[in-house]
């Protein structure tokens, strides 16, 4: 097993279940490039292991994930030339220019990896707690089931704080519904676990101190099912949603996301590809106030 820096990988129940945890608690599990590449490797390792039947994706610390890491020293160093530069920023379009560079990098490391995790040949359960913000939603939505602590709050704040039309893997209308999606994107508000459960996005809600055991109990129940039955149940649902247009919608909305980046790069003299305070944007995700709860059952 790889020696991971940003995640943990724990086989359980004689290897039939694997628990993968995001492990940057001091950074609120913000997703730097190293974390995403390690997560892809861990998912693939679990997928290759025929003993594994169910994968649980959780997180260390008080927050599941605060989204993409846009400003930590570690993340900045990954992008800059030098000994800490991550190899992935010089491949997959990383040496191209302008919108092409950003589009290719985001396609590979934000969009296509999430789509690949959604189609893993194993059953996946997201175990979420605290805040699930913006790209944190992408990780949860890539999983087949989501179980949440009672205090969990879900939001996509990139509209209010970066002037962007949602994150790269735009599953929002499929998960929240069309009008709730518009409300959350336009306001930056959040919804709680109870409302998310009522919307059908969350499978089960547990008290915070029972979340890990609740997720494991669900995984154990699913692990008892014959692997072919579990796979085809998953695939039947995924193919049904794909035939409704899910995959095409995701790809179309990614192009809108990149157009949004190109707009900001066009209007800013320094070519900065997201909105700034002078554009009327509240500010960077790391410095903005907490999101408000929407007027739902979990406010």
Protein backbone atom coordinates (compact mmCIF):
# COMPACT_ATOMS: atom_id res chain seq x y z
CA UNK A 1 0.00 0.00 0.00
CA UNK A 2 1.23 3.47 -0.87
CA UNK A 3 2.53 5.76 1.87
CA UNK A 4 -0.06 8.50 1.64
CA UNK A 5 0.53 12.05 2.90
CA UNK A 6 -2.93 13.59 2.55
CA UNK A 7 -5.29 10.63 3.06
CA UNK A 8 -5.49 7.43 5.10
CA UNK A 9 -6.35 3.95 3.79
CA UNK A 10 -7.70 1.38 6.25
CA UNK A 11 -8.88 -2.14 5.29
CA UNK A 12 -11.64 -3.46 7.57
CA UNK A 13 -13.41 -6.79 8.03
CA UNK A 14 -10.62 -8.87 6.48
CA UNK A 15 -10.35 -6.39 3.61
CA UNK A 16 -13.96 -6.61 2.41
CA UNK A 17 -14.44 -2.94 3.37
CA UNK A 18 -11.94 -0.09 2.97
CA UNK A 19 -12.20 3.23 4.76
CA UNK A 20 -10.43 6.12 3.01
CA UNK A 21 -10.22 9.35 5.00
CA UNK A 22 -9.19 12.81 3.86
CA UNK A 23 -6.40 13.80 6.21
CA UNK A 24 -5.68 17.54 6.13
CA UNK A 25 -7.70 18.55 9.21
CA UNK A 26 -5.72 21.76 9.82
CA UNK A 27 -6.67 22.91 6.31
CA UNK A 28 -10.29 21.75 6.79
CA UNK A 29 -9.53 18.97 4.28
CA UNK A 30 -9.21 21.48 1.46
CA UNK A 31 -8.37 19.54 -1.68
CA UNK A 32 -4.86 20.32 -2.86
CA UNK A 33 -3.50 18.57 -5.95
CA UNK A 34 -1.56 16.05 -3.90
CA UNK A 35 -4.71 14.98 -2.07
CA UNK A 36 -6.68 14.51 -5.28
CA UNK A 37 -3.96 12.44 -6.92
CA UNK A 38 -3.60 10.30 -3.79
CA UNK A 39 -7.36 9.85 -3.58
CA UNK A 40 -7.46 8.69 -7.18
CA UNK A 41 -4.68 6.19 -6.43
CA UNK A 42 -6.47 4.91 -3.33
CA UNK A 43 -9.79 4.48 -5.11
CA UNK A 44 -8.03 2.59 -7.88
CA UNK A 45 -6.18 0.40 -5.36
CA UNK A 46 -9.48 -0.54 -3.71
CA UNK A 47 -11.07 -1.14 -7.10
CA UNK A 48 -8.26 -3.47 -8.18
CA UNK A 49 -8.47 -5.52 -4.98
CA UNK A 50 -11.02 -8.27 -5.56
CA UNK A 51 -11.40 -8.73 -1.81
CA UNK A 52 -12.87 -5.23 -1.44
CA UNK A 53 -16.64 -4.92 -1.77
CA UNK A 54 -17.44 -1.51 -0.26
CA UNK A 55 -15.43 1.71 0.06
CA UNK A 56 -16.23 4.33 2.71
CA UNK A 57 -14.97 7.87 2.07
CA UNK A 58 -14.72 9.97 5.23
CA UNK A 59 -12.50 12.66 6.70
CA UNK A 60 -10.42 13.47 9.75
CA UNK A 61 -11.10 16.56 11.85
CA UNK A 62 -14.23 18.71 12.28
CA UNK A 63 -14.94 19.29 8.55
CA UNK A 64 -15.47 16.82 5.70
CA UNK A 65 -14.07 19.20 3.10
CA UNK A 66 -13.97 22.96 2.59
CA UNK A 67 -13.56 22.55 -1.18
CA UNK A 68 -10.60 23.06 -3.45
CA UNK A 69 -7.47 24.47 -1.84
CA UNK A 70 -7.05 27.90 -3.41
CA UNK A 71 -4.55 29.50 -1.08
CA UNK A 72 -2.59 27.41 1.42
CA UNK A 73 1.20 27.62 1.26
CA UNK A 74 1.33 23.93 0.48
CA UNK A 75 -1.08 24.25 -2.43
CA UNK A 76 0.70 27.30 -3.86
CA UNK A 77 4.03 25.45 -3.67
CA UNK A 78 2.54 22.59 -5.67
CA UNK A 79 1.99 24.97 -8.59
CA UNK A 80 5.29 26.84 -8.47
CA UNK A 81 8.60 25.65 -9.98
CA UNK A 82 10.82 24.09 -7.35
CA UNK A 83 11.23 20.98 -5.21
CA UNK A 84 7.63 21.10 -3.92
CA UNK A 85 6.00 21.37 -7.34
CA UNK A 86 3.54 18.56 -7.98
CA UNK A 87 4.29 16.62 -11.14
CA UNK A 88 0.66 16.85 -12.31
CA UNK A 89 0.83 20.60 -12.94
CA UNK A 90 3.31 20.09 -15.81
CA UNK A 91 1.28 17.44 -17.65
CA UNK A 92 -2.32 17.12 -18.88
CA UNK A 93 -2.25 20.60 -20.40
CA UNK A 94 -0.19 22.18 -17.64
CA UNK A 95 2.36 23.54 -20.11
CA UNK A 96 -0.27 25.11 -22.40
CA UNK A 97 -1.38 28.74 -22.23
CA UNK A 98 -4.49 30.70 -21.28
CA UNK A 99 -7.91 29.10 -21.12
CA UNK A 100 -6.60 25.90 -22.68
CA UNK A 101 -4.30 25.26 -19.72
CA UNK A 102 -6.99 25.86 -17.12
CA UNK A 103 -9.60 23.87 -19.02
CA UNK A 104 -7.37 20.81 -19.47
CA UNK A 105 -6.12 20.84 -15.89
CA UNK A 106 -9.62 21.19 -14.48
CA UNK A 107 -10.97 18.55 -16.85
CA UNK A 108 -8.40 16.00 -15.69
CA UNK A 109 -8.16 16.75 -11.98
CA UNK A 110 -11.58 18.14 -11.03
CA UNK A 111 -14.08 16.81 -13.57
CA UNK A 112 -12.90 13.58 -15.15
CA UNK A 113 -11.52 12.12 -11.93
CA UNK A 114 -14.84 12.75 -10.16
CA UNK A 115 -16.75 11.13 -13.03
CA UNK A 116 -14.38 8.15 -12.87
CA UNK A 117 -14.94 7.74 -9.12
CA UNK A 118 -18.69 7.84 -9.68
CA UNK A 119 -18.34 4.80 -11.96
CA UNK A 120 -16.02 2.72 -9.76
CA UNK A 121 -16.79 -0.98 -9.99
CA UNK A 122 -17.30 -1.11 -6.22
CA UNK A 123 -20.03 0.34 -4.01
CA UNK A 124 -18.98 3.62 -2.37
CA UNK A 125 -20.37 5.40 0.69
CA UNK A 126 -19.57 9.01 1.56
CA UNK A 127 -19.46 9.53 5.32
CA UNK A 128 -19.77 13.30 5.79
CA UNK A 129 -19.85 15.66 8.75
CA UNK A 130 -19.34 19.32 9.56
CA UNK A 131 -19.17 21.42 6.42
CA UNK A 132 -19.32 19.98 2.90
CA UNK A 133 -18.47 23.02 0.80
CA UNK A 134 -18.25 23.39 -3.00
CA UNK A 135 -15.76 20.76 -4.22
CA UNK A 136 -16.55 18.82 -1.05
CA UNK A 137 -19.93 18.19 -2.69
CA UNK A 138 -18.15 16.68 -5.68
CA UNK A 139 -16.48 14.04 -3.51
CA UNK A 140 -19.75 13.14 -1.80
CA UNK A 141 -21.73 13.11 -5.04
CA UNK A 142 -19.24 10.75 -6.66
CA UNK A 143 -20.27 8.12 -4.11
CA UNK A 144 -23.26 5.79 -4.44
CA UNK A 145 -24.65 6.59 -1.00
CA UNK A 146 -24.18 9.49 1.41
CA UNK A 147 -24.56 9.19 5.18
CA UNK A 148 -24.33 12.37 7.21
CA UNK A 149 -23.96 13.53 10.79
CA UNK A 150 -26.92 15.54 12.06
CA UNK A 151 -24.88 18.76 12.10
CA UNK A 152 -23.69 18.53 8.49
CA UNK A 153 -24.12 21.58 6.27
CA UNK A 154 -23.93 21.39 2.45
CA UNK A 155 -23.19 24.43 0.26
CA UNK A 156 -21.60 25.63 -2.96
CA UNK A 157 -20.28 29.11 -2.27
CA UNK A 158 -18.27 29.74 -5.43
CA UNK A 159 -21.00 31.94 -6.91
CA UNK A 160 -21.04 34.33 -3.96
CA UNK A 161 -17.31 34.15 -3.22
CA UNK A 162 -15.62 33.59 -6.58
CA UNK A 163 -18.21 34.73 -9.11
CA UNK A 164 -18.41 31.25 -10.63
CA UNK A 165 -21.42 29.21 -11.79
CA UNK A 166 -20.92 26.29 -9.43
CA UNK A 167 -18.17 23.71 -9.24
CA UNK A 168 -16.74 21.73 -12.17
CA UNK A 169 -18.75 18.53 -11.62
CA UNK A 170 -22.14 20.20 -11.89
CA UNK A 171 -24.46 17.54 -10.50
CA UNK A 172 -26.41 20.15 -8.51
CA UNK A 173 -29.79 19.97 -10.32
CA UNK A 174 -29.73 16.17 -10.08
CA UNK A 175 -28.92 16.23 -6.37
CA UNK A 176 -30.74 19.35 -5.08
CA UNK A 177 -33.42 19.82 -7.74
CA UNK A 178 -33.50 22.78 -10.17
CA UNK A 179 -34.97 25.56 -8.00
CA UNK A 180 -33.10 24.64 -4.83
CA UNK A 181 -29.92 24.62 -6.93
CA UNK A 182 -30.60 28.16 -8.17
CA UNK A 183 -31.33 29.33 -4.63
CA UNK A 184 -28.15 27.86 -3.19
CA UNK A 185 -25.90 29.06 -6.02
CA UNK A 186 -27.31 32.59 -6.04
CA UNK A 187 -27.25 33.05 -2.27
CA UNK A 188 -24.36 30.89 -1.10
CA UNK A 189 -26.63 29.53 1.63
CA UNK A 190 -26.39 25.99 2.97
CA UNK A 191 -28.80 23.18 3.72
CA UNK A 192 -28.54 20.78 6.62
CA UNK A 193 -28.56 17.02 6.75
CA UNK A 194 -32.29 16.76 7.47
CA UNK A 195 -33.25 18.83 4.41
CA UNK A 196 -30.68 17.00 2.28
CA UNK A 197 -32.24 13.72 3.39
CA UNK A 198 -35.71 15.01 2.47
CA UNK A 199 -34.38 15.92 -1.00
CA UNK A 200 -33.10 12.36 -1.44
CA UNK A 201 -29.46 13.41 -1.58
CA UNK A 202 -28.54 11.88 1.78
CA UNK A 203 -29.34 8.25 2.48
CA UNK A 204 -29.16 8.21 6.28
CA UNK A 205 -28.61 10.74 9.08
CA UNK A 206 -26.86 9.80 12.32
CA UNK A 207 -25.88 11.58 15.54
CA UNK A 208 -22.30 12.75 15.12
CA UNK A 209 -20.90 10.24 17.61
CA UNK A 210 -22.64 7.37 15.80
CA UNK A 211 -21.72 8.35 12.23
CA UNK A 212 -18.64 6.17 11.72
CA UNK A 213 -20.31 3.08 13.14
CA UNK A 214 -23.48 3.79 11.18
CA UNK A 215 -21.54 4.02 7.94
CA UNK A 216 -19.69 0.81 8.74
CA UNK A 217 -22.93 -1.03 9.56
CA UNK A 218 -24.38 0.05 6.21
CA UNK A 219 -21.21 -1.04 4.43
CA UNK A 220 -21.32 -4.44 6.14
CA UNK A 221 -24.92 -4.97 5.06
CA UNK A 222 -24.08 -4.14 1.45
CA UNK A 223 -20.93 -6.28 1.56
CA UNK A 224 -23.10 -9.34 2.21
CA UNK A 225 -24.73 -8.95 -1.21
CA UNK A 226 -23.18 -10.96 -4.07
CA UNK A 227 -20.73 -8.67 -5.86
CA UNK A 228 -22.39 -9.09 -9.27
CA UNK A 229 -25.81 -8.18 -7.83
CA UNK A 230 -24.37 -5.08 -6.16
CA UNK A 231 -22.52 -3.98 -9.29
CA UNK A 232 -25.52 -4.38 -11.58
CA UNK A 233 -27.83 -2.61 -9.13
CA UNK A 234 -25.41 0.34 -9.17
CA UNK A 235 -24.97 0.19 -12.93
CA UNK A 236 -28.71 0.01 -13.58
CA UNK A 237 -29.25 3.24 -11.68
CA UNK A 238 -26.23 4.99 -13.20
CA UNK A 239 -27.18 3.99 -16.73
CA UNK A 240 -30.77 5.14 -16.17
CA UNK A 241 -29.58 8.57 -15.03
CA UNK A 242 -27.08 8.72 -17.90
CA UNK A 243 -29.90 8.01 -20.37
CA UNK A 244 -31.79 10.93 -18.86
CA UNK A 245 -28.86 13.14 -19.90
CA UNK A 246 -26.69 13.23 -16.79
CA UNK A 247 -23.33 12.74 -18.51
CA UNK A 248 -24.10 15.18 -21.34
CA UNK A 249 -25.31 17.78 -18.85
CA UNK A 250 -22.12 17.45 -16.81
CA UNK A 251 -19.94 17.99 -19.89
CA UNK A 252 -22.02 20.94 -21.08
CA UNK A 253 -21.88 22.65 -17.68
CA UNK A 254 -18.11 22.18 -17.48
CA UNK A 255 -17.79 24.28 -20.64
CA UNK A 256 -19.91 26.98 -18.98
CA UNK A 257 -17.66 26.81 -15.94
CA UNK A 258 -14.60 27.35 -18.15
CA UNK A 259 -16.36 30.20 -19.97
CA UNK A 260 -16.94 31.78 -16.56
CA UNK A 261 -13.20 31.51 -15.82
CA UNK A 262 -12.37 32.99 -19.23
CA UNK A 263 -14.70 35.94 -18.57
CA UNK A 264 -12.88 36.90 -15.38
CA UNK A 265 -9.47 36.41 -16.97
CA UNK A 266 -10.60 38.68 -19.83
CA UNK A 267 -11.81 41.55 -17.64
CA UNK A 268 -8.88 41.52 -15.19
CA UNK A 269 -5.59 43.10 -16.17
CA UNK A 270 -3.67 40.41 -14.26
CA UNK A 271 -5.76 37.67 -15.97
CA UNK A 272 -6.98 36.38 -12.60
CA UNK A 273 -9.65 33.81 -13.59
CA UNK A 274 -12.19 34.32 -10.78
CA UNK A 275 -14.06 37.30 -9.42
CA UNK A 276 -12.48 39.80 -7.04
CA UNK A 277 -13.78 42.13 -4.35
CA UNK A 278 -13.82 45.04 -6.82
CA UNK A 279 -16.19 43.01 -8.99
CA UNK A 280 -18.67 42.85 -6.12
CA UNK A 281 -17.55 39.42 -4.94
CA UNK A 282 -17.49 38.81 -1.19
CA UNK A 283 -13.94 37.46 -1.26
CA UNK A 284 -11.92 34.29 -1.17
CA UNK A 285 -13.51 31.19 0.32
CA UNK A 286 -10.95 31.07 3.12
CA UNK A 287 -11.73 34.60 4.31
CA UNK A 288 -15.48 34.80 3.77
CA UNK A 289 -18.08 34.53 6.52
CA UNK A 290 -19.86 31.27 7.18
CA UNK A 291 -22.78 30.43 4.92
CA UNK A 292 -26.29 30.91 6.22
CA UNK A 293 -28.77 28.08 6.36
CA UNK A 294 -31.53 28.23 3.78
CA UNK A 295 -35.15 28.47 4.82
CA UNK A 296 -35.72 24.73 4.94
CA UNK A 297 -36.41 22.10 7.56
CA UNK A 298 -32.79 22.13 8.69
CA UNK A 299 -32.35 25.89 9.20
